[in-house]
Structures are given as C-alpha cells and as structure tokens.
C-alpha cells in the first residue's frame, strides 16, 4: 500500500477498526475512507454497492462485525449470525466488483473446534464441533473465510483472512451484558472497588485458558500483512502466550486495587477450555510486536477511567 492509497477501514469506530485506523494514521497513510454506521449501513446491500462504486477504494480492511461475550451470544444468536454474514457478503462482493487490490477480513479464534490440539494451527479449521455458546457467530465468520477463498479461486482476487486471539484495548465494549471477558472484568473490578464491595462474582470456574492480544498489536500485524506478499489466505494473530481466567482475574484485581474476594459462579459456562493460537505463519512473515499483559491491563484501565470522566 502507498501512503496515498485509498484504504477503506470498515468498522473504524470499534475496538479493532479504531486501532487499525490509529496505526495507519501513525504510519502516514493519508487517504483513509472512514464511514460511521449512520453514514453507511453495511447491512444495506444497495448502500454498500453505491459507496464502492463512488469511492473506488484500492484496499479494504473489513473490521466491522457484530461482537459480544458469552451472554450476548447465547441470547441473540440470530443477530450474530445474520448481521455478520450480511456485512461480509456486501463488502466482499462489492470489493470484487470494484477492483479492490487486496482485502483483509477479520475473523475470530472461535472459528476453531471446541476441542482441538493446542496451539491451534490454521489447518484445524472445520475439523471438529464448535463451541455451542457462540456457534452462530463462528459459522458466520467461517462463511467469510470461505467466501474470501472462493473469490480468490474463481476470480483471482487477493483476499486474506486473519484470526486474532482474544482482544482488548481502547474503545472496547464495557457493557456487562454484551462485552467480552476482559473489559467485563475491568468494569466489574472497578465498580466493586468504588462501591467498597467485599466480594465480586465472576462466571465459570476460572480454569479455562485464554490468549489475550492488545488491539494495537493486532492493528500493526494487519497493516504488516497488507504490505506483505503472503502466500497463505488464513493467518492466526496472537501473542503466543495464554493464562487461566483465574490468573487474569487475580492480575486485574491487583492492578485495579480491589481488596475483596473473588467468588466463581460455577453454574455459568466456561466456554471453550483453551484457545491458544499457533502463530508460526505470522512469525514466518517476520512480524514481532507485542504489548505485555500487565502493561496492557494498566493502559486499558487508564483509558476506561478517562472515558468515564468524559
């Protein structure tokens, strides 16, 4: 990509999209196409088609998606399935019809089977049963990967899908109903600290293991891949290190300063037992940039506190 290339970042207001936009601007890219949901509804096929025909982006980073935590997935599977498939179909097809040079599709590590060898290699896709709590979302993301592959095969396009580890960072969703585990914990510990609570209740047993990746690291990797001659159409992006949810909770408790006890509600699901990504393909491309978890928690918590003051 050239510094003046027309680059459409779909979903630039979200956790991933905002991080990618920040990184592109930091690197001197000066011709970004950015549209809010109010300006361009990606669920609207006609609107998306007209946008592409008018603006003719050269590169597309598809970071727009309906996302959420376990509770949101369990309660609204139809929305996660329909909306993600619709967004993907509209953007990918319009990219093809308007000659986009390269497209990067953001997926999720939940595409992989619930029980699979660790660390998870890209070729493990569709080799086993998915985790039931986010099955609709996972299938939607898998369909996006397969659509990119199909366009590459049939039309000779250059579309690559990347699967990130569990993400966190500025502009995350801290709503307790729809958020992922990382931001939900930050809010719960902060609220409990401010109220002076003696205990805090967290979901599951705490034994499930997760790999966490700062959104800024993901953004840097995505731009790196967009500028690389990668031969693979599916690439994992992770830190290469995981920990238990209990270890994450204890670390957050210490950093945030909550002095009470943690109670685990074992009636609630843990989700997939472990999701550690194999990042061999990413390493072979030469990308290496990772923010440590402690520093990441501190900076994200600082951002959250500042957001409350606005």
Protein backbone atom coordinates (compact mmCIF):
# COMPACT_ATOMS: atom_id res chain seq x y z
CA UNK A 1 0.00 0.00 0.00
CA UNK A 2 1.19 3.52 -0.81
CA UNK A 3 0.80 6.34 1.70
CA UNK A 4 -1.84 7.95 -0.53
CA UNK A 5 -3.67 4.71 -1.40
CA UNK A 6 -7.43 4.76 -0.87
CA UNK A 7 -7.97 2.47 2.11
CA UNK A 8 -11.46 1.68 3.39
CA UNK A 9 -11.49 0.65 7.06
CA UNK A 10 -14.92 -0.85 7.64
CA UNK A 11 -15.87 -0.53 11.29
CA UNK A 12 -13.36 2.17 12.18
CA UNK A 13 -15.16 3.12 15.40
CA UNK A 14 -14.86 -0.30 17.05
CA UNK A 15 -12.07 -1.83 19.09
CA UNK A 16 -10.27 -3.33 16.09
CA UNK A 17 -11.14 -0.73 13.47
CA UNK A 18 -10.11 2.21 15.63
CA UNK A 19 -6.77 0.56 16.44
CA UNK A 20 -6.10 -0.09 12.74
CA UNK A 21 -7.08 3.49 11.87
CA UNK A 22 -4.74 4.87 14.54
CA UNK A 23 -1.89 2.73 13.25
CA UNK A 24 -2.45 3.70 9.62
CA UNK A 25 -2.51 7.40 10.52
CA UNK A 26 0.61 6.98 12.67
CA UNK A 27 2.40 5.37 9.71
CA UNK A 28 1.47 8.28 7.42
CA UNK A 29 -1.38 6.85 5.37
CA UNK A 30 -3.36 9.93 4.40
CA UNK A 31 -6.24 8.79 2.22
CA UNK A 32 -8.42 6.72 4.54
CA UNK A 33 -12.08 6.13 3.75
CA UNK A 34 -13.96 6.17 7.04
CA UNK A 35 -17.73 5.99 7.48
CA UNK A 36 -19.79 5.75 10.65
CA UNK A 37 -22.81 3.44 10.83
CA UNK A 38 -25.05 6.48 10.38
CA UNK A 39 -23.18 7.41 7.19
CA UNK A 40 -23.00 3.89 5.75
CA UNK A 41 -25.06 0.93 6.97
CA UNK A 42 -23.03 -2.12 5.94
CA UNK A 43 -26.15 -4.28 6.29
CA UNK A 44 -27.67 -2.35 3.37
CA UNK A 45 -26.52 -4.01 0.16
CA UNK A 46 -27.58 -1.09 -2.07
CA UNK A 47 -25.84 1.49 0.12
CA UNK A 48 -22.62 -0.54 0.20
CA UNK A 49 -22.71 -1.07 -3.56
CA UNK A 50 -23.19 2.65 -4.20
CA UNK A 51 -20.39 3.57 -1.77
CA UNK A 52 -17.88 1.30 -3.50
CA UNK A 53 -18.92 2.42 -6.98
CA UNK A 54 -18.47 6.07 -5.99
CA UNK A 55 -15.34 5.93 -3.81
CA UNK A 56 -13.44 3.07 -5.52
CA UNK A 57 -11.24 2.03 -2.58
CA UNK A 58 -7.97 0.32 -3.54
CA UNK A 59 -7.64 -1.61 -0.28
CA UNK A 60 -10.23 -2.81 2.22
CA UNK A 61 -9.83 -3.83 5.86
CA UNK A 62 -13.06 -5.48 6.98
CA UNK A 63 -13.14 -4.95 10.75
CA UNK A 64 -16.88 -4.29 11.03
CA UNK A 65 -18.78 -7.00 12.91
CA UNK A 66 -21.44 -7.72 15.48
CA UNK A 67 -19.45 -8.94 18.50
CA UNK A 68 -20.10 -9.81 22.13
CA UNK A 69 -19.43 -12.10 25.07
CA UNK A 70 -20.95 -15.44 26.08
CA UNK A 71 -24.20 -13.97 27.43
CA UNK A 72 -24.83 -11.93 24.28
CA UNK A 73 -24.13 -14.91 22.02
CA UNK A 74 -26.45 -17.18 24.00
CA UNK A 75 -29.31 -14.66 24.00
CA UNK A 76 -29.01 -13.29 20.44
CA UNK A 77 -27.55 -15.96 18.12
CA UNK A 78 -29.74 -14.94 15.17
CA UNK A 79 -28.43 -11.37 15.25
CA UNK A 80 -24.81 -12.55 15.41
CA UNK A 81 -25.35 -14.95 12.53
CA UNK A 82 -27.40 -12.77 10.18
CA UNK A 83 -25.68 -9.44 10.69
CA UNK A 84 -22.14 -10.75 10.29
CA UNK A 85 -22.94 -12.77 7.19
CA UNK A 86 -24.77 -9.81 5.64
CA UNK A 87 -21.93 -7.36 6.32
CA UNK A 88 -19.31 -9.76 4.97
CA UNK A 89 -21.24 -10.60 1.82
CA UNK A 90 -21.90 -6.95 0.99
CA UNK A 91 -18.32 -5.76 1.50
CA UNK A 92 -16.54 -8.74 -0.07
CA UNK A 93 -18.70 -8.81 -3.19
CA UNK A 94 -18.54 -5.04 -3.69
CA UNK A 95 -14.76 -5.23 -3.30
CA UNK A 96 -14.60 -7.73 -6.15
CA UNK A 97 -16.98 -5.79 -8.40
CA UNK A 98 -14.94 -2.60 -7.95
CA UNK A 99 -11.45 -3.99 -8.40
CA UNK A 100 -10.11 -3.78 -4.85
CA UNK A 101 -6.42 -4.78 -4.93
CA UNK A 102 -6.34 -6.50 -1.54
CA UNK A 103 -8.87 -7.18 1.21
CA UNK A 104 -8.19 -8.25 4.78
CA UNK A 105 -11.03 -9.99 6.61
CA UNK A 106 -11.02 -10.00 10.41
CA UNK A 107 -12.29 -13.22 11.95
CA UNK A 108 -12.10 -14.69 15.44
CA UNK A 109 -10.38 -17.59 17.19
CA UNK A 110 -13.84 -19.03 17.95
CA UNK A 111 -13.92 -20.42 14.38
CA UNK A 112 -11.83 -23.36 15.54
CA UNK A 113 -13.27 -26.55 17.07
CA UNK A 114 -14.07 -26.52 20.79
CA UNK A 115 -11.74 -29.46 21.40
CA UNK A 116 -8.63 -29.34 19.24
CA UNK A 117 -4.85 -29.78 19.64
CA UNK A 118 -3.00 -26.82 21.15
CA UNK A 119 -1.64 -24.50 19.92
CA UNK A 120 -4.27 -24.21 17.20
CA UNK A 121 -2.99 -24.34 13.64
CA UNK A 122 -4.91 -22.73 10.79
CA UNK A 123 -5.44 -26.11 9.15
CA UNK A 124 -7.54 -27.25 12.14
CA UNK A 125 -10.43 -25.18 10.76
CA UNK A 126 -13.59 -27.29 10.33
CA UNK A 127 -12.05 -30.46 11.81
CA UNK A 128 -14.41 -30.69 14.79
CA UNK A 129 -17.50 -29.43 16.62
CA UNK A 130 -17.77 -25.75 17.50
CA UNK A 131 -18.42 -24.29 20.95
CA UNK A 132 -22.22 -24.14 21.29
CA UNK A 133 -22.36 -20.78 23.09
CA UNK A 134 -21.06 -18.86 20.05
CA UNK A 135 -21.81 -21.30 17.24
CA UNK A 136 -23.84 -18.86 15.10
CA UNK A 137 -21.10 -16.22 15.22
CA UNK A 138 -18.38 -18.78 14.47
CA UNK A 139 -20.27 -20.14 11.46
CA UNK A 140 -20.76 -16.59 10.16
CA UNK A 141 -17.02 -15.95 10.40
CA UNK A 142 -16.20 -19.29 8.78
CA UNK A 143 -18.50 -18.36 5.89
CA UNK A 144 -16.50 -15.14 5.47
CA UNK A 145 -13.24 -17.09 5.28
CA UNK A 146 -14.71 -19.50 2.76
CA UNK A 147 -16.15 -16.65 0.68
CA UNK A 148 -12.73 -14.98 0.52
CA UNK A 149 -11.19 -18.28 -0.56
CA UNK A 150 -13.89 -18.80 -3.17
CA UNK A 151 -13.32 -15.34 -4.70
CA UNK A 152 -9.56 -15.94 -4.75
CA UNK A 153 -10.06 -19.25 -6.53
CA UNK A 154 -12.72 -18.16 -9.01
CA UNK A 155 -11.75 -14.55 -9.68
CA UNK A 156 -8.06 -14.39 -8.77
CA UNK A 157 -8.60 -11.83 -6.01
CA UNK A 158 -6.12 -11.19 -3.19
CA UNK A 159 -8.23 -11.64 -0.05
CA UNK A 160 -6.65 -12.80 3.22
CA UNK A 161 -8.38 -13.71 6.49
CA UNK A 162 -6.75 -13.18 9.87
CA UNK A 163 -7.84 -14.84 13.11
CA UNK A 164 -6.90 -12.88 16.23
CA UNK A 165 -6.67 -14.09 19.80
CA UNK A 166 -8.97 -12.58 22.45
CA UNK A 167 -8.64 -8.83 22.01
CA UNK A 168 -8.65 -5.88 24.39
CA UNK A 169 -7.71 -2.21 24.45
CA UNK A 170 -9.11 1.32 23.94
CA UNK A 171 -12.64 1.62 22.54
CA UNK A 172 -13.61 -1.82 23.80
CA UNK A 173 -17.19 -2.55 24.84
CA UNK A 174 -17.51 -2.42 28.64
CA UNK A 175 -21.24 -3.18 28.79
CA UNK A 176 -21.75 -6.02 31.29
CA UNK A 177 -24.40 -7.75 29.15
CA UNK A 178 -22.68 -7.76 25.75
CA UNK A 179 -18.94 -7.41 26.48
CA UNK A 180 -16.14 -9.96 26.34
CA UNK A 181 -14.43 -11.28 29.46
CA UNK A 182 -11.52 -8.77 29.53
CA UNK A 183 -13.49 -5.49 29.51
CA UNK A 184 -16.25 -7.03 31.63
CA UNK A 185 -13.71 -7.87 34.33
CA UNK A 186 -12.22 -4.38 34.26
CA UNK A 187 -15.64 -2.83 34.79
CA UNK A 188 -16.68 -5.33 37.46
CA UNK A 189 -13.48 -4.87 39.48
CA UNK A 190 -13.65 -1.08 39.13
CA UNK A 191 -17.32 -0.87 40.13
CA UNK A 192 -16.78 -3.21 43.08
CA UNK A 193 -13.77 -1.17 44.18
CA UNK A 194 -15.71 2.10 44.02
CA UNK A 195 -18.62 0.61 45.99
CA UNK A 196 -16.33 -0.94 48.56
CA UNK A 197 -17.76 -4.42 47.96
CA UNK A 198 -16.40 -7.35 49.96
CA UNK A 199 -16.79 -9.82 47.08
CA UNK A 200 -17.05 -9.91 43.32
CA UNK A 201 -18.75 -12.70 41.36
CA UNK A 202 -17.28 -13.93 38.08
CA UNK A 203 -18.62 -16.52 35.64
CA UNK A 204 -17.43 -20.11 35.42
CA UNK A 205 -14.71 -21.98 37.27
CA UNK A 206 -11.78 -19.79 36.22
CA UNK A 207 -9.86 -22.77 34.82
CA UNK A 208 -10.48 -22.04 31.14
CA UNK A 209 -7.38 -20.72 29.40
CA UNK A 210 -7.27 -17.73 27.07
CA UNK A 211 -4.68 -15.90 25.00
CA UNK A 212 -5.04 -12.11 25.02
CA UNK A 213 -3.80 -9.66 22.41
CA UNK A 214 -3.77 -5.88 22.59
CA UNK A 215 -5.71 -4.28 19.72
CA UNK A 216 -2.70 -2.12 18.85
CA UNK A 217 -0.62 -5.26 18.25
CA UNK A 218 -3.36 -6.67 16.04
CA UNK A 219 -3.51 -3.41 14.10
CA UNK A 220 0.23 -3.42 13.48
CA UNK A 221 0.05 -7.05 12.32
CA UNK A 222 -2.85 -6.35 9.96
CA UNK A 223 -1.08 -3.44 8.25
CA UNK A 224 2.09 -5.54 8.07
CA UNK A 225 0.16 -8.35 6.35
CA UNK A 226 -1.50 -5.90 3.95
CA UNK A 227 2.00 -4.88 2.85
CA UNK A 228 3.38 -8.44 2.69
CA UNK A 229 3.46 -10.94 -0.14
CA UNK A 230 1.87 -13.62 1.99
CA UNK A 231 1.13 -16.96 0.39
CA UNK A 232 -1.46 -18.03 2.95
CA UNK A 233 -5.11 -16.95 2.89
CA UNK A 234 -5.64 -17.64 6.62
CA UNK A 235 -3.26 -16.34 9.28
CA UNK A 236 -3.51 -16.52 13.08
CA UNK A 237 -2.54 -13.42 15.04
CA UNK A 238 -1.75 -13.91 18.70
CA UNK A 239 0.80 -13.29 21.44
CA UNK A 240 1.79 -16.96 21.73
CA UNK A 241 1.10 -16.96 25.50
CA UNK A 242 -2.05 -17.88 27.43
CA UNK A 243 -3.21 -17.98 31.05
CA UNK A 244 -6.24 -19.12 33.04
CA UNK A 245 -9.19 -16.82 33.54
CA UNK A 246 -8.49 -17.08 37.26
CA UNK A 247 -4.92 -15.82 36.72
CA UNK A 248 -6.28 -12.95 34.63
CA UNK A 249 -8.76 -12.08 37.40
CA UNK A 250 -6.09 -12.10 40.10
CA UNK A 251 -3.83 -9.87 37.99
CA UNK A 252 -6.67 -7.41 37.31
CA UNK A 253 -7.65 -7.41 40.97
CA UNK A 254 -4.12 -6.40 41.96
CA UNK A 255 -3.69 -3.74 39.25
CA UNK A 256 -7.14 -2.17 39.74
CA UNK A 257 -6.84 -2.29 43.52
CA UNK A 258 -9.90 -4.30 44.52
CA UNK A 259 -9.37 -5.64 48.04
CA UNK A 260 -12.30 -8.06 48.34
CA UNK A 261 -12.64 -11.72 47.45
CA UNK A 262 -13.43 -13.33 44.10
CA UNK A 263 -16.39 -15.73 44.00
CA UNK A 264 -16.74 -18.06 41.00
CA UNK A 265 -20.28 -18.85 39.82
CA UNK A 266 -19.76 -22.39 38.56
CA UNK A 267 -23.34 -22.62 37.32
CA UNK A 268 -22.27 -20.38 34.43
CA UNK A 269 -20.35 -21.72 31.39
CA UNK A 270 -16.59 -21.55 30.91
CA UNK A 271 -16.79 -21.72 27.12
CA UNK A 272 -14.02 -23.42 25.17
CA UNK A 273 -11.44 -24.96 27.56
CA UNK A 274 -8.41 -23.49 25.79
CA UNK A 275 -7.73 -21.33 22.72
CA UNK A 276 -4.02 -20.79 22.13
CA UNK A 277 -3.18 -19.90 18.54
CA UNK A 278 -0.23 -21.25 16.61
CA UNK A 279 1.43 -18.14 15.15
CA UNK A 280 4.08 -19.88 13.01
CA UNK A 281 2.71 -18.36 9.79
CA UNK A 282 2.78 -14.86 11.29
CA UNK A 283 6.32 -15.36 12.56
CA UNK A 284 7.47 -16.55 9.13
CA UNK A 285 6.27 -13.23 7.68
CA UNK A 286 8.66 -11.52 10.11
CA UNK A 287 6.15 -9.74 12.34
CA UNK A 288 7.02 -9.42 16.02
CA UNK A 289 5.45 -6.75 18.23
CA UNK A 290 3.68 -7.50 21.47
CA UNK A 291 2.49 -5.42 24.43
CA UNK A 292 2.86 -7.30 27.73
CA UNK A 293 -0.35 -8.22 29.54
CA UNK A 294 0.39 -6.19 32.68
CA UNK A 295 1.15 -3.07 30.65
CA UNK A 296 -1.93 -3.77 28.53
CA UNK A 297 -4.21 -4.04 31.57
CA UNK A 298 -2.80 -0.83 33.05
CA UNK A 299 -3.20 1.19 29.85
CA UNK A 300 -6.69 -0.17 29.14
CA UNK A 301 -7.85 0.52 32.69
CA UNK A 302 -6.43 4.05 32.42
CA UNK A 303 -8.36 4.55 29.17
CA UNK A 304 -11.55 3.23 30.80
CA UNK A 305 -11.22 5.62 33.76
CA UNK A 306 -10.63 8.54 31.40
CA UNK A 307 -13.67 7.54 29.34
CA UNK A 308 -15.85 7.70 32.45
CA UNK A 309 -14.72 11.26 33.07
CA UNK A 310 -15.73 12.49 29.61
